[in-house]
Amino acid sequence: MVDLEKNKDAVEGAWLNKKGTIVAVKWNTATNENTKAEIIKTISTDHSIELTTLASTEAGNYASPFPITASGSRGKKWMN
């Protein structure tokens, strides 16, 4: 989590569910897909964990434990 949040130019925030099995990332709007992929790859490698990016349609299934965005949608914005 700390390593995600160190990328202040790309990551607005990061959250972990209670079980510690799902990470939600709220990317800054200007963060491109290549940057997101590189950050995820680096953190996965550095910590020997598997992080998987979910499509927006999949993210909704995992969004309920995370805070509600300003627009009122729960989690979806953070996981795509």
Protein backbone atom coordinates (compact mmCIF):
# COMPACT_ATOMS: atom_id res chain seq x y z
CA MET A 1 0.00 0.00 0.00
CA VAL A 2 2.75 2.41 0.90
CA ASP A 3 4.59 1.71 -2.34
CA LEU A 4 1.44 2.41 -4.34
CA GLU A 5 0.91 5.70 -2.56
CA LYS A 6 4.56 6.70 -3.14
CA ASN A 7 3.58 7.16 -6.79
CA LYS A 8 1.83 10.45 -6.01
CA ASP A 9 1.83 11.60 -9.63
CA ALA A 10 -0.12 8.50 -10.67
CA VAL A 11 -2.02 7.26 -7.61
CA GLU A 12 -4.56 9.32 -5.70
CA GLY A 13 -5.19 6.62 -3.11
CA ALA A 14 -5.07 2.90 -2.37
CA TRP A 15 -7.16 0.70 -0.10
CA LEU A 16 -7.04 -2.90 1.11
CA ASN A 17 -10.13 -4.92 1.99
CA LYS A 18 -10.49 -6.37 5.52
CA LYS A 19 -9.29 -9.83 4.46
CA GLY A 20 -6.21 -8.32 2.83
CA THR A 21 -6.96 -10.02 -0.48
CA ILE A 22 -8.12 -7.12 -2.67
CA VAL A 23 -6.38 -3.82 -3.34
CA ALA A 24 -8.32 -0.91 -4.81
CA VAL A 25 -6.41 1.89 -6.50
CA LYS A 26 -7.79 5.31 -7.37
CA TRP A 27 -5.63 6.49 -10.23
CA ASN A 28 -5.15 10.17 -11.01
CA THR A 29 -7.13 10.98 -14.12
CA ALA A 30 -4.00 11.84 -16.11
CA THR A 31 -2.37 8.46 -15.44
CA ASN A 32 -2.07 6.51 -18.69
CA GLU A 33 -2.45 2.73 -19.01
CA ASN A 34 1.28 2.13 -19.55
CA THR A 35 2.15 3.91 -16.32
CA LYS A 36 -0.49 1.95 -14.41
CA ALA A 37 0.85 -1.33 -15.81
CA GLU A 38 4.44 -0.44 -14.92
CA ILE A 39 3.53 0.49 -11.34
CA ILE A 40 1.54 -2.71 -10.89
CA LYS A 41 4.35 -4.82 -12.38
CA THR A 42 7.02 -3.18 -10.22
CA ILE A 43 5.07 -3.59 -6.99
CA SER A 44 4.11 -7.18 -7.84
CA THR A 45 7.76 -8.07 -8.49
CA ASP A 46 9.20 -6.17 -5.52
CA HIS A 47 6.81 -7.82 -3.07
CA SER A 48 6.41 -11.24 -4.74
CA ILE A 49 2.64 -10.84 -5.00
CA GLU A 50 0.19 -11.11 -7.85
CA LEU A 51 -1.77 -7.98 -8.69
CA THR A 52 -4.34 -8.15 -11.46
CA THR A 53 -6.02 -5.24 -13.17
CA LEU A 54 -9.76 -5.69 -13.52
CA ALA A 55 -11.93 -4.37 -16.31
CA SER A 56 -14.58 -1.90 -15.19
CA THR A 57 -17.25 -4.54 -15.67
CA GLU A 58 -15.42 -6.94 -13.31
CA ALA A 59 -14.46 -4.32 -10.74
CA GLY A 60 -18.04 -3.73 -9.68
CA ASN A 61 -18.16 -7.25 -8.25
CA TYR A 62 -15.38 -6.36 -5.79
CA ALA A 63 -16.20 -2.72 -5.06
CA SER A 64 -18.53 -2.98 -2.07
CA PRO A 65 -15.87 -2.94 0.70
CA PHE A 66 -14.34 0.30 -0.53
CA PRO A 67 -15.30 3.95 0.11
CA ILE A 68 -17.91 5.69 -1.99
CA THR A 69 -16.61 8.17 -4.57
CA ALA A 70 -17.81 11.74 -4.77
CA SER A 71 -20.17 10.71 -7.56
CA GLY A 72 -21.79 8.15 -5.29
CA SER A 73 -20.54 5.04 -7.07
CA ARG A 74 -18.86 2.57 -4.77
CA GLY A 75 -15.35 1.51 -5.72
CA LYS A 76 -15.72 1.15 -9.51
CA LYS A 77 -13.78 4.31 -10.29
CA TRP A 78 -10.87 3.11 -8.19
CA MET A 79 -10.43 -0.26 -9.74
CA ASN A 80 -10.28 0.48 -13.45
